Amino acid sequence: MGSWSQGLEGRILKIRLSDDQKHIAESPSIGSFYAFRKLRLKFNTVEDQFCVYLGGTEKLIVMQNPDNTNNEHLNGLLR
C-alpha cells in the first residue's frame, strides 16, 4: 500500500477486480467518489486478511456526483 495508508492497517480492504470490472476501473478520476455494488467479502488465507472481490459484466462501479444533494450516503461521507 502507499504512504497515504500509513496508520490505517486493518482498516482498508483490498478490492480484487476481474472480468469487465478491471476495464471499468482502469482510469479512475483522482478525488472522485465511487459506489461499488455486489461486493463479495472473503478471507484470504495467504495474506491472512479479508479481501473484497468484484467481477462480472454488469456495471458495478459507478462514479458519484458530489453535487447531487439527493445522495444521502455520499452526503454523509462528505460531512
C-alpha atoms as a PDB file:
ATOM      1  CA  MET A   1       0.000   0.000   0.000  1.00  0.00           C
ATOM      2  CA  GLY A   2       1.035   3.592  -0.500  1.00  0.00           C
ATOM      3  CA  SER A   3       2.207   6.177   2.010  1.00  0.00           C
ATOM      4  CA  TRP A   4      -1.342   7.587   2.200  1.00  0.00           C
ATOM      5  CA  SER A   5      -2.399   4.417   4.038  1.00  0.00           C
ATOM      6  CA  GLN A   6       0.187   4.509   6.841  1.00  0.00           C
ATOM      7  CA  GLY A   7      -1.505   4.010  10.195  1.00  0.00           C
ATOM      8  CA  LEU A   8      -4.623   2.517   8.608  1.00  0.00           C
ATOM      9  CA  GLU A   9      -3.544  -1.134   8.713  1.00  0.00           C
ATOM     10  CA  GLY A  10      -6.550  -3.387   9.315  1.00  0.00           C
ATOM     11  CA  ARG A  11      -8.970  -0.651   8.230  1.00  0.00           C
ATOM     12  CA  ILE A  12      -8.569  -0.823   4.453  1.00  0.00           C
ATOM     13  CA  LEU A  13      -9.854  -3.662   2.282  1.00  0.00           C
ATOM     14  CA  LYS A  14      -8.182  -4.586  -0.979  1.00  0.00           C
ATOM     15  CA  ILE A  15     -10.611  -4.851  -3.871  1.00  0.00           C
ATOM     16  CA  ARG A  16      -9.727  -7.575  -6.374  1.00  0.00           C
ATOM     17  CA  LEU A  17     -11.337  -6.966  -9.764  1.00  0.00           C
ATOM     18  CA  SER A  18     -11.984  -9.496 -12.514  1.00  0.00           C
ATOM     19  CA  ASP A  19     -13.824  -9.682 -15.818  1.00  0.00           C
ATOM     20  CA  ASP A  20     -15.229  -6.369 -17.096  1.00  0.00           C
ATOM     21  CA  GLN A  21     -14.690  -4.670 -13.743  1.00  0.00           C
ATOM     22  CA  LYS A  22     -10.949  -4.382 -14.478  1.00  0.00           C
ATOM     23  CA  HIS A  23     -11.664  -2.288 -17.564  1.00  0.00           C
ATOM     24  CA  ILE A  24     -14.144  -0.046 -15.757  1.00  0.00           C
ATOM     25  CA  ALA A  25     -11.634   0.733 -13.008  1.00  0.00           C
ATOM     26  CA  GLU A  26      -8.603   1.319 -15.255  1.00  0.00           C
ATOM     27  CA  SER A  27      -8.935   5.094 -15.306  1.00  0.00           C
ATOM     28  CA  PRO A  28     -10.321   6.374 -12.003  1.00  0.00           C
ATOM     29  CA  SER A  29     -10.562  10.110 -11.567  1.00  0.00           C
ATOM     30  CA  ILE A  30      -8.482  11.281  -8.590  1.00  0.00           C
ATOM     31  CA  GLY A  31     -10.616  12.984  -5.965  1.00  0.00           C
ATOM     32  CA  SER A  32     -13.823  11.381  -7.219  1.00  0.00           C
ATOM     33  CA  PHE A  33     -16.208   9.172  -5.286  1.00  0.00           C
ATOM     34  CA  TYR A  34     -17.403   5.782  -6.489  1.00  0.00           C
ATOM     35  CA  ALA A  35     -20.167   3.399  -5.477  1.00  0.00           C
ATOM     36  CA  PHE A  36     -19.397  -0.318  -5.622  1.00  0.00           C
ATOM     37  CA  ARG A  37     -22.246  -2.800  -5.890  1.00  0.00           C
ATOM     38  CA  LYS A  38     -22.366  -6.559  -5.205  1.00  0.00           C
ATOM     39  CA  LEU A  39     -19.009  -6.801  -3.428  1.00  0.00           C
ATOM     40  CA  ARG A  40     -18.068 -10.224  -2.031  1.00  0.00           C
ATOM     41  CA  LEU A  41     -16.070 -10.256   1.188  1.00  0.00           C
ATOM     42  CA  LYS A  42     -13.798 -13.275   1.614  1.00  0.00           C
ATOM     43  CA  PHE A  43     -10.972 -14.186   3.964  1.00  0.00           C
ATOM     44  CA  ASN A  44      -7.672 -14.641   2.098  1.00  0.00           C
ATOM     45  CA  THR A  45      -5.620 -17.262   3.982  1.00  0.00           C
ATOM     46  CA  VAL A  46      -2.445 -16.472   2.018  1.00  0.00           C
ATOM     47  CA  GLU A  47      -2.487 -12.800   3.053  1.00  0.00           C
ATOM     48  CA  ASP A  48      -4.193 -13.561   6.397  1.00  0.00           C
ATOM     49  CA  GLN A  49      -6.745 -10.791   5.883  1.00  0.00           C
ATOM     50  CA  PHE A  50     -10.135 -10.068   4.344  1.00  0.00           C
ATOM     51  CA  CYS A  51     -10.331  -9.030   0.690  1.00  0.00           C
ATOM     52  CA  VAL A  52     -13.218  -7.854  -1.439  1.00  0.00           C
ATOM     53  CA  TYR A  53     -13.916  -9.428  -4.830  1.00  0.00           C
ATOM     54  CA  LEU A  54     -15.863  -7.890  -7.688  1.00  0.00           C
ATOM     55  CA  GLY A  55     -16.409  -9.451 -11.096  1.00  0.00           C
ATOM     56  CA  GLY A  56     -18.900  -9.980 -13.865  1.00  0.00           C
ATOM     57  CA  THR A  57     -20.136  -7.980 -16.810  1.00  0.00           C
ATOM     58  CA  GLU A  58     -22.635  -5.641 -15.110  1.00  0.00           C
ATOM     59  CA  LYS A  59     -21.690  -2.025 -14.457  1.00  0.00           C
ATOM     60  CA  LEU A  60     -20.963  -2.339 -10.730  1.00  0.00           C
ATOM     61  CA  ILE A  61     -18.581   0.616 -10.280  1.00  0.00           C
ATOM     62  CA  VAL A  62     -20.368   3.950 -10.625  1.00  0.00           C
ATOM     63  CA  MET A  63     -18.869   7.427 -10.226  1.00  0.00           C
ATOM     64  CA  GLN A  64     -20.904   9.556  -7.820  1.00  0.00           C
ATOM     65  CA  ASN A  65     -21.772  13.229  -8.259  1.00  0.00           C
ATOM     66  CA  PRO A  66     -20.884  15.126  -5.044  1.00  0.00           C
ATOM     67  CA  ASP A  67     -23.172  17.975  -6.130  1.00  0.00           C
ATOM     68  CA  ASN A  68     -26.207  15.673  -6.049  1.00  0.00           C
ATOM     69  CA  THR A  69     -27.858  16.609  -2.745  1.00  0.00           C
ATOM     70  CA  ASN A  70     -30.271  13.655  -3.021  1.00  0.00           C
ATOM     71  CA  ASN A  71     -27.495  11.090  -2.423  1.00  0.00           C
ATOM     72  CA  GLU A  72     -27.755  10.664   1.365  1.00  0.00           C
ATOM     73  CA  HIS A  73     -24.914   8.115   1.586  1.00  0.00           C
ATOM     74  CA  LEU A  74     -22.407  10.342  -0.204  1.00  0.00           C
ATOM     75  CA  ASN A  75     -23.603  13.413   1.693  1.00  0.00           C
ATOM     76  CA  GLY A  76     -22.935  11.548   4.948  1.00  0.00           C
ATOM     77  CA  LEU A  77     -19.364  10.841   3.865  1.00  0.00           C
ATOM     78  CA  LEU A  78     -18.757  14.448   2.868  1.00  0.00           C
ATOM     79  CA  ARG A  79     -19.867  15.872   6.221  1.00  0.00           C
END
